[in-house]
Amino acid sequence: MHVDSTHTTEAAAGDAAHGYDAPDLRVFVFALFFIFGGITSLNDVIIPKLKELFTLNYAQALLVQSAFFAAYAIVSIPAAAIVRRAGYMRSAVIGLLMMMAGCLLFIPASASATFGVFLFALFVLAAGITIVQVVANPLISLLGKPKTAHSRLTFAQAFNSLGTTIFPYVGSVLILGGLATVDASKLTGAALDAYRAAETKTVVHTYIGLAIALAIVAAVVWTRRNRLNEEQSQSGSILKAFDLLGRPRFGMGAACIFLYVGAEVAIGSLIVNYLMQPGVMGLTDQAAGKHVPFYWGGALVGRFIGAYVLSRVSPGKVLAAVATGSIALILISANTAGAVSGWSLLAIGLCNSIMFPTIFALASEGLGKRTAEGSGVIATAIVGGAIIPPLTGMLADTSGSLHFALLLPALCYAMILAYGIYARRPAPEVLAVG
């Protein structure tokens, strides 16, 4: 069903009346983007650490991402139901506390020296992040005029990128380093368990610090729990949200979120091992880890630039352009050696910059009171981060080449390119279904 622009204008006025056009709340949402972006990017540092400690191949090591991003498939729709019942601010507190619990689970994970317990801790942590993300994406879209939602969400994602730039560098200093001093594959029994328990303590200390910070943020957010006068659709089953997939623009957008997150996470997960290769840059594990922020930092810079560009150029056209750039950089990296190969891979972060917020905004146009439901469905599609990285790892294991494994992310970007072309014109505004 369609609606005219008058409805949209009235809705925008209503949002402002309910306090959505509030600069102080935007600061709060920016902080949420910073936190969950930074914690997610720490996986790129943990993967090489656990790969060495538990003598894993690439497919097994990338199960870290599977455990983490599987939470999006399992928790996103329940998270949307929580938002619908509890509201944005209280739901954010619930998500932050669950993130804190996930961080604290690293303590028993280290004590057991068991890879599976680490995966469970990451799942719980990601479940909390999922709730926070289901809150943050639609909330920042509502905090202002609908016509600038693309630009505003991209600007908010820049704070996500700020977190993903800072956290891996700090994490590489705290967590990586010295992996080559002991060969875990040559240890057995009690000696191996003791080595793993000792080496994982660096991971535990990092996440205990994060747990403390999350508790403080949750307390601050709780004091703001009554800040918004919200209107949420309360009718029908939350599972009915999946009927939104029947809208081609929304359904294709959700599919592209799946592909984008999968490609971005697959590349980010392999950066450390990729740059350590003698044929690329031959770096040590810690030096390679310190290069991860260049990948995410490119996304940071690109999002600030993108917030400006998207306010003046069709979002679909911009999406198609950056997807083309990602494909070109992958081809350069896969077919060269040395610094050119390494830096062209890292430069993909710049092209990734506006993809998530642009796809999200293109898919979500006109959802009205069903915005939280749509956000839940799209967040479910983030499960691409659980599926595409291990498949990329399998390609690396079977082919014996990380360069060849980049073919899968390239195919993902090709599909995103097609969606950008499809969505290059503004979508007809649709009537929000209550």
Protein backbone atom coordinates (compact mmCIF):
# COMPACT_ATOMS: atom_id res chain seq x y z
CA MET A 1 0.00 0.00 0.00
CA HIS A 2 1.19 3.49 -0.77
CA VAL A 3 0.95 6.79 1.03
CA ASP A 4 1.49 10.37 -0.08
CA SER A 5 4.13 12.78 1.19
CA THR A 6 1.58 14.49 3.45
CA HIS A 7 1.48 11.38 5.64
CA THR A 8 5.27 11.40 5.88
CA THR A 9 5.32 15.08 6.86
CA GLU A 10 2.72 14.50 9.56
CA ALA A 11 4.66 11.50 10.86
CA ALA A 12 7.85 13.55 11.02
CA ALA A 13 6.05 16.26 12.93
CA GLY A 14 4.70 13.63 15.29
CA ASP A 15 8.17 12.25 15.90
CA ALA A 16 9.45 15.70 16.78
CA ALA A 17 6.51 16.17 19.14
CA HIS A 18 7.40 12.95 20.91
CA GLY A 19 10.94 14.13 21.55
CA TYR A 20 12.74 12.22 18.81
CA ASP A 21 14.46 15.29 17.42
CA ALA A 22 16.73 15.50 20.48
CA PRO A 23 20.50 16.13 20.17
CA ASP A 24 21.24 14.65 23.60
CA LEU A 25 19.64 11.34 22.59
CA ARG A 26 21.70 11.29 19.41
CA VAL A 27 24.84 11.43 21.57
CA PHE A 28 23.54 8.41 23.50
CA VAL A 29 22.91 6.46 20.29
CA PHE A 30 26.34 7.41 18.92
CA ALA A 31 27.86 5.95 22.10
CA LEU A 32 25.98 2.68 21.53
CA PHE A 33 27.32 2.46 17.98
CA PHE A 34 30.85 3.04 19.28
CA ILE A 35 30.55 0.31 21.92
CA PHE A 36 29.08 -2.53 19.90
CA GLY A 37 31.26 -1.75 16.89
CA GLY A 38 34.44 -1.85 18.94
CA ILE A 39 33.60 -5.08 20.75
CA THR A 40 32.64 -6.82 17.49
CA SER A 41 35.97 -5.88 15.89
CA LEU A 42 37.90 -7.51 18.74
CA ASN A 43 37.03 -10.85 17.13
CA ASP A 44 39.63 -10.07 14.46
CA VAL A 45 42.28 -10.08 17.20
CA ILE A 46 40.93 -13.08 19.13
CA ILE A 47 40.79 -15.34 16.06
CA PRO A 48 44.57 -15.64 15.46
CA LYS A 49 45.08 -16.01 19.22
CA LEU A 50 42.64 -18.91 19.54
CA LYS A 51 43.77 -20.39 16.22
CA GLU A 52 47.27 -20.82 17.62
CA LEU A 53 46.28 -21.88 21.15
CA PHE A 54 43.85 -24.56 20.00
CA THR A 55 45.80 -25.51 16.81
CA LEU A 56 42.82 -24.81 14.53
CA ASN A 57 42.62 -24.60 10.75
CA TYR A 58 41.03 -21.52 9.14
CA ALA A 59 37.52 -23.00 8.93
CA GLN A 60 37.62 -23.95 12.61
CA ALA A 61 39.09 -20.63 13.74
CA LEU A 62 36.39 -18.72 11.89
CA LEU A 63 33.77 -20.56 13.96
CA VAL A 64 34.43 -17.64 16.31
CA GLN A 65 32.46 -15.51 13.87
CA SER A 66 29.84 -18.23 13.47
CA ALA A 67 29.20 -18.36 17.21
CA PHE A 68 29.15 -14.58 17.39
CA PHE A 69 26.94 -13.79 14.43
CA ALA A 70 24.59 -16.75 14.94
CA ALA A 71 23.16 -14.65 17.75
CA TYR A 72 21.72 -12.28 15.17
CA ALA A 73 19.69 -15.09 13.59
CA ILE A 74 18.44 -16.37 16.95
CA VAL A 75 17.99 -13.17 18.96
CA SER A 76 16.99 -10.46 16.46
CA ILE A 77 13.26 -11.15 16.30
CA PRO A 78 12.96 -11.69 20.08
CA ALA A 79 14.92 -8.43 20.43
CA ALA A 80 12.37 -6.64 18.26
CA ALA A 81 9.64 -8.05 20.53
CA ILE A 82 11.51 -6.73 23.57
CA VAL A 83 11.76 -3.28 21.98
CA ARG A 84 8.06 -3.32 21.13
CA ARG A 85 7.13 -4.16 24.75
CA ALA A 86 9.82 -2.37 26.79
CA GLY A 87 10.68 0.55 24.50
CA TYR A 88 14.02 1.66 23.11
CA MET A 89 15.79 2.86 26.26
CA ARG A 90 14.90 -0.04 28.58
CA SER A 91 15.77 -2.49 25.79
CA ALA A 92 19.17 -0.84 25.44
CA VAL A 93 19.81 -1.48 29.15
CA ILE A 94 18.82 -5.15 28.74
CA GLY A 95 21.24 -5.47 25.82
CA LEU A 96 24.10 -3.79 27.66
CA LEU A 97 23.68 -6.05 30.70
CA MET A 98 23.67 -9.14 28.47
CA MET A 99 26.86 -7.89 26.83
CA MET A 100 28.38 -7.53 30.30
CA ALA A 101 27.39 -11.12 31.14
CA GLY A 102 29.03 -12.35 27.93
CA CYS A 103 32.27 -10.56 28.84
CA LEU A 104 32.27 -12.13 32.31
CA LEU A 105 31.80 -15.61 30.79
CA PHE A 106 35.36 -15.32 29.47
CA ILE A 107 36.48 -16.06 33.04
CA PRO A 108 35.14 -19.66 33.09
CA ALA A 109 36.16 -20.02 29.43
CA SER A 110 39.79 -19.36 30.35
CA ALA A 111 39.63 -21.55 33.46
CA SER A 112 38.33 -24.49 31.40
CA ALA A 113 40.80 -23.85 28.56
CA THR A 114 38.09 -25.12 26.20
CA PHE A 115 37.41 -23.61 22.78
CA GLY A 116 33.69 -24.41 22.99
CA VAL A 117 33.25 -22.36 26.18
CA PHE A 118 34.85 -19.37 24.45
CA LEU A 119 32.35 -19.77 21.63
CA PHE A 120 29.46 -19.78 24.13
CA ALA A 121 30.77 -16.62 25.81
CA LEU A 122 30.99 -14.92 22.42
CA PHE A 123 27.41 -15.99 21.62
CA VAL A 124 26.05 -14.43 24.82
CA LEU A 125 28.06 -11.26 24.19
CA ALA A 126 26.71 -11.07 20.64
CA ALA A 127 23.13 -11.64 21.87
CA GLY A 128 23.45 -8.46 23.90
CA ILE A 129 24.94 -6.60 20.96
CA THR A 130 22.04 -7.78 18.81
CA ILE A 131 19.51 -6.21 21.18
CA VAL A 132 21.48 -2.96 21.29
CA GLN A 133 21.72 -2.88 17.49
CA VAL A 134 17.99 -3.54 17.03
CA VAL A 135 17.48 -0.49 19.27
CA ALA A 136 20.12 1.78 17.74
CA ASN A 137 19.46 1.49 14.00
CA PRO A 138 15.79 2.53 13.93
CA LEU A 139 16.23 5.01 16.79
CA ILE A 140 18.83 7.07 14.94
CA SER A 141 16.57 7.02 11.88
CA LEU A 142 13.76 8.47 13.98
CA LEU A 143 15.89 11.17 15.60
CA GLY A 144 15.38 13.73 12.87
CA LYS A 145 13.75 14.32 9.51
CA PRO A 146 12.96 11.24 7.39
CA LYS A 147 14.56 12.71 4.26
CA THR A 148 17.98 12.86 5.97
CA ALA A 149 17.78 9.35 7.49
CA HIS A 150 20.39 7.96 5.05
CA SER A 151 22.92 10.64 5.95
CA ARG A 152 22.17 10.52 9.68
CA LEU A 153 22.50 6.74 9.93
CA THR A 154 25.77 6.86 8.00
CA PHE A 155 27.09 9.52 10.39
CA ALA A 156 26.09 7.33 13.36
CA GLN A 157 27.86 4.37 11.76
CA ALA A 158 31.00 6.52 11.73
CA PHE A 159 31.04 6.18 15.52
CA ASN A 160 30.72 2.43 15.03
CA SER A 161 33.82 2.64 12.87
CA LEU A 162 35.60 4.75 15.48
CA GLY A 163 35.13 1.85 17.88
CA THR A 164 36.28 -0.70 15.30
CA THR A 165 39.39 1.41 14.68
CA ILE A 166 40.42 1.87 18.30
CA PHE A 167 39.55 -1.50 19.84
CA PRO A 168 41.63 -3.78 17.53
CA TYR A 169 44.78 -1.72 18.10
CA VAL A 170 44.38 -1.85 21.87
CA GLY A 171 43.37 -5.50 21.61
CA SER A 172 46.44 -6.40 19.55
CA VAL A 173 48.66 -4.88 22.25
CA LEU A 174 46.83 -6.61 25.11
CA ILE A 175 46.01 -9.96 23.50
CA LEU A 176 48.50 -10.70 20.72
CA GLY A 177 52.24 -10.96 20.85
CA GLY A 178 54.49 -13.89 21.60
CA LEU A 179 52.43 -16.52 19.82
CA ALA A 180 55.59 -17.99 18.32
CA THR A 181 57.39 -18.46 21.65
CA VAL A 182 55.63 -21.77 22.33
CA ASP A 183 54.24 -24.21 19.76
CA ALA A 184 50.92 -25.41 21.21
CA SER A 185 50.79 -28.28 18.72
CA LYS A 186 53.77 -29.86 20.48
CA LEU A 187 52.15 -29.80 23.92
CA THR A 188 49.78 -32.43 25.32
CA GLY A 189 47.74 -33.19 28.41
CA ALA A 190 48.17 -31.07 31.51
CA ALA A 191 50.97 -29.02 29.96
CA LEU A 192 48.72 -28.00 27.07
CA ASP A 193 45.81 -27.13 29.36
CA ALA A 194 48.08 -25.05 31.60
CA TYR A 195 49.52 -23.21 28.61
CA ARG A 196 46.07 -22.43 27.22
CA ALA A 197 44.76 -21.25 30.60
CA ALA A 198 47.77 -18.98 31.09
CA GLU A 199 47.71 -17.51 27.58
CA THR A 200 43.96 -16.85 27.62
CA LYS A 201 44.26 -14.74 30.78
CA THR A 202 45.22 -11.78 28.60
CA VAL A 203 41.89 -12.19 26.81
CA VAL A 204 40.03 -12.43 30.13
CA HIS A 205 41.57 -9.25 31.55
CA THR A 206 40.53 -7.33 28.43
CA TYR A 207 36.91 -8.48 28.68
CA ILE A 208 36.66 -7.90 32.43
CA GLY A 209 37.57 -4.27 31.74
CA LEU A 210 34.85 -4.14 29.09
CA ALA A 211 32.31 -5.64 31.52
CA ILE A 212 32.98 -2.85 34.02
CA ALA A 213 32.58 -0.19 31.33
CA LEU A 214 29.31 -1.76 30.12
CA ALA A 215 27.89 -1.79 33.65
CA ILE A 216 28.55 1.94 33.94
CA VAL A 217 26.96 2.70 30.56
CA ALA A 218 23.90 0.59 31.44
CA ALA A 219 23.46 2.55 34.68
CA VAL A 220 23.62 5.87 32.80
CA VAL A 221 21.11 4.70 30.19
CA TRP A 222 18.76 3.49 32.93
CA THR A 223 18.55 7.05 34.27
CA ARG A 224 17.24 8.07 30.81
CA ARG A 225 14.70 5.25 30.50
CA ASN A 226 11.68 7.59 30.51
CA ARG A 227 13.17 10.14 28.11
CA LEU A 228 11.06 9.09 25.12
CA ASN A 229 7.30 9.03 24.69
CA GLU A 230 7.25 6.11 22.27
CA GLU A 231 4.59 4.67 19.99
CA GLN A 232 5.19 1.05 19.03
CA SER A 233 2.93 -1.22 17.00
CA GLN A 234 1.49 -3.77 19.45
CA SER A 235 -0.71 -5.75 17.06
CA GLY A 236 -0.11 -9.28 15.86
CA SER A 237 2.75 -11.71 16.30
CA ILE A 238 6.27 -10.35 16.03
CA LEU A 239 6.97 -13.20 13.60
CA LYS A 240 4.64 -11.43 11.20
CA ALA A 241 7.56 -9.07 10.66
CA PHE A 242 8.86 -11.55 8.10
CA ASP A 243 5.98 -10.62 5.79
CA LEU A 244 8.02 -7.48 5.09
CA LEU A 245 10.32 -9.71 3.03
CA GLY A 246 7.53 -9.79 0.46
CA ARG A 247 8.42 -6.22 -0.46
CA PRO A 248 11.17 -6.65 -3.11
CA ARG A 249 13.14 -3.59 -2.01
CA PHE A 250 13.11 -4.72 1.63
CA GLY A 251 13.72 -8.42 0.87
CA MET A 252 16.64 -7.70 -1.44
CA GLY A 253 18.02 -5.23 1.09
CA ALA A 254 17.93 -7.85 3.85
CA ALA A 255 19.76 -10.29 1.54
CA CYS A 256 22.40 -7.66 0.86
CA ILE A 257 22.90 -7.08 4.59
CA PHE A 258 23.58 -10.83 4.84
CA LEU A 259 26.15 -10.63 2.03
CA TYR A 260 27.76 -7.39 3.16
CA VAL A 261 28.30 -8.42 6.78
CA GLY A 262 29.59 -11.81 5.64
CA ALA A 263 32.11 -10.25 3.26
CA GLU A 264 33.26 -7.54 5.66
CA VAL A 265 33.70 -9.98 8.55
CA ALA A 266 35.44 -12.60 6.39
CA ILE A 267 38.04 -10.09 5.21
CA GLY A 268 38.50 -8.58 8.68
CA SER A 269 38.93 -12.04 10.22
CA LEU A 270 41.71 -12.97 7.82
CA ILE A 271 43.69 -9.71 7.85
CA VAL A 272 46.18 -10.74 10.55
CA ASN A 273 47.00 -14.10 8.96
CA TYR A 274 46.92 -12.55 5.47
CA LEU A 275 49.49 -9.88 6.33
CA MET A 276 51.71 -12.42 8.13
CA GLN A 277 52.22 -14.35 4.89
CA PRO A 278 55.79 -14.06 3.50
CA GLY A 279 54.36 -13.34 0.06
CA VAL A 280 52.37 -10.39 1.34
CA MET A 281 53.97 -8.28 4.11
CA GLY A 282 55.58 -10.97 6.29
CA LEU A 283 54.62 -9.22 9.54
CA THR A 284 54.64 -10.62 13.06
CA ASP A 285 51.26 -11.39 14.62
CA GLN A 286 51.24 -8.24 16.76
CA ALA A 287 52.42 -6.00 13.91
CA ALA A 288 49.75 -7.46 11.65
CA GLY A 289 47.17 -6.92 14.39
CA LYS A 290 48.13 -3.27 14.56
CA HIS A 291 47.27 -2.99 10.86
CA VAL A 292 43.66 -4.10 11.44
CA PRO A 293 42.67 -0.53 12.48
CA PHE A 294 43.59 0.66 8.96
CA TYR A 295 40.82 -1.58 7.60
CA TRP A 296 38.23 -0.30 10.07
CA GLY A 297 39.70 3.20 10.03
CA GLY A 298 39.01 3.36 6.30
CA ALA A 299 35.37 2.72 7.12
CA LEU A 300 35.50 5.53 9.69
CA VAL A 301 36.84 8.06 7.21
CA GLY A 302 34.49 6.84 4.51
CA ARG A 303 31.43 7.22 6.71
CA PHE A 304 32.14 10.86 7.50
CA ILE A 305 32.64 11.50 3.79
CA GLY A 306 29.64 9.35 2.96
CA ALA A 307 27.34 11.27 5.32
CA TYR A 308 28.02 14.34 3.15
CA VAL A 309 27.86 12.58 -0.23
CA LEU A 310 24.64 10.73 0.59
CA SER A 311 22.87 13.99 1.32
CA ARG A 312 23.50 15.03 -2.30
CA VAL A 313 23.73 11.86 -4.41
CA SER A 314 21.29 8.99 -4.85
CA PRO A 315 22.13 6.38 -2.16
CA GLY A 316 21.70 3.54 -4.66
CA LYS A 317 24.27 5.05 -7.01
CA VAL A 318 26.74 5.56 -4.17
CA LEU A 319 26.22 1.96 -3.04
CA ALA A 320 26.88 0.65 -6.55
CA ALA A 321 30.05 2.74 -6.80
CA VAL A 322 31.60 1.54 -3.54
CA ALA A 323 30.69 -2.09 -4.28
CA THR A 324 32.54 -1.75 -7.57
CA GLY A 325 35.53 -0.35 -5.69
CA SER A 326 35.54 -3.32 -3.28
CA ILE A 327 35.58 -5.81 -6.14
CA ALA A 328 38.44 -3.95 -7.84
CA LEU A 329 40.52 -3.91 -4.65
CA ILE A 330 39.99 -7.62 -4.05
CA LEU A 331 41.15 -8.40 -7.58
CA ILE A 332 44.26 -6.24 -7.06
CA SER A 333 45.06 -7.86 -3.71
CA ALA A 334 44.53 -11.41 -4.95
CA ASN A 335 46.73 -10.94 -8.01
CA THR A 336 49.66 -9.03 -6.50
CA ALA A 337 52.24 -9.55 -3.74
CA GLY A 338 54.01 -7.53 -1.09
CA ALA A 339 52.76 -4.21 0.19
CA VAL A 340 50.41 -3.69 -2.77
CA SER A 341 48.57 -6.91 -1.93
CA GLY A 342 48.35 -6.03 1.77
CA TRP A 343 47.32 -2.40 1.48
CA SER A 344 44.76 -3.02 -1.27
CA LEU A 345 43.05 -5.51 1.06
CA LEU A 346 43.08 -3.00 3.91
CA ALA A 347 41.67 -0.30 1.60
CA ILE A 348 38.47 -2.29 1.18
CA GLY A 349 37.43 -0.83 4.53
CA LEU A 350 37.03 2.56 2.84
CA CYS A 351 34.57 1.08 0.34
CA ASN A 352 32.72 -0.81 3.07
CA SER A 353 32.08 2.45 4.89
CA ILE A 354 28.57 3.37 3.72
CA MET A 355 27.27 -0.08 2.78
CA PHE A 356 25.47 -1.17 5.95
CA PRO A 357 23.69 2.11 6.75
CA THR A 358 22.82 2.70 3.10
CA ILE A 359 21.41 -0.79 2.56
CA PHE A 360 19.53 -0.56 5.87
CA ALA A 361 18.01 2.83 5.02
CA LEU A 362 17.12 1.82 1.44
CA ALA A 363 15.39 -1.33 2.69
CA SER A 364 13.60 0.36 5.60
CA GLU A 365 12.02 3.35 3.87
CA GLY A 366 8.39 3.88 4.80
CA LEU A 367 8.02 1.25 7.53
CA GLY A 368 6.57 3.75 10.02
CA LYS A 369 5.46 2.06 13.25
CA ARG A 370 6.86 -1.23 11.92
CA THR A 371 10.39 0.17 11.90
CA ALA A 372 11.42 -1.89 14.95
CA GLU A 373 10.05 -5.04 13.28
CA GLY A 374 11.94 -4.28 10.08
CA SER A 375 15.10 -3.64 12.08
CA GLY A 376 14.66 -7.05 13.72
CA VAL A 377 14.39 -8.79 10.36
CA ILE A 378 17.41 -6.95 8.97
CA ALA A 379 19.40 -7.67 12.11
CA THR A 380 18.58 -11.34 11.56
CA ALA A 381 20.28 -11.06 8.17
CA ILE A 382 23.51 -10.10 9.96
CA VAL A 383 23.85 -13.88 10.42
CA GLY A 384 25.79 -13.65 7.16
CA GLY A 385 28.74 -12.97 9.46
CA ALA A 386 28.31 -16.50 10.84
CA ILE A 387 28.11 -18.26 7.49
CA ILE A 388 30.31 -16.56 4.90
CA PRO A 389 33.54 -16.31 7.00
CA PRO A 390 33.82 -20.09 7.69
CA LEU A 391 32.97 -20.77 4.04
CA THR A 392 35.80 -18.40 3.11
CA GLY A 393 38.01 -20.31 5.55
CA MET A 394 37.06 -23.59 3.88
CA LEU A 395 38.08 -22.11 0.52
CA ALA A 396 41.43 -21.13 2.04
CA ASP A 397 41.94 -24.62 3.52
CA THR A 398 41.00 -26.53 0.38
CA SER A 399 42.86 -24.28 -2.05
CA GLY A 400 45.81 -23.61 0.26
CA SER A 401 45.55 -19.92 -0.62
CA LEU A 402 44.07 -16.98 1.26
CA HIS A 403 44.26 -15.04 -2.00
CA PHE A 404 41.91 -17.50 -3.74
CA ALA A 405 39.53 -17.45 -0.76
CA LEU A 406 38.84 -13.76 -1.44
CA LEU A 407 36.72 -14.88 -4.40
CA LEU A 408 33.72 -15.42 -2.10
CA PRO A 409 33.67 -11.88 -0.65
CA ALA A 410 34.04 -10.56 -4.21
CA LEU A 411 30.87 -12.41 -5.24
CA CYS A 412 29.05 -10.88 -2.27
CA TYR A 413 30.04 -7.39 -3.36
CA ALA A 414 28.86 -8.16 -6.90
CA MET A 415 25.34 -8.83 -5.58
CA ILE A 416 25.44 -5.59 -3.57
CA LEU A 417 26.44 -3.76 -6.75
CA ALA A 418 23.32 -5.13 -8.44
CA TYR A 419 21.12 -3.96 -5.55
CA GLY A 420 22.59 -0.48 -5.73
CA ILE A 421 21.64 -0.27 -9.40
CA TYR A 422 18.15 -1.60 -8.63
CA ALA A 423 17.58 0.88 -5.78
CA ARG A 424 19.17 3.92 -7.44
CA ARG A 425 15.77 5.68 -7.65
CA PRO A 426 13.80 6.67 -4.53
CA ALA A 427 11.28 4.06 -3.45
CA PRO A 428 7.56 4.89 -3.45
CA GLU A 429 6.55 5.75 0.09
CA VAL A 430 4.43 3.04 1.67
CA LEU A 431 1.75 3.18 4.29
CA ALA A 432 2.95 1.97 7.66
CA VAL A 433 0.87 -0.94 8.84
CA GLY A 434 -0.10 -0.68 12.49
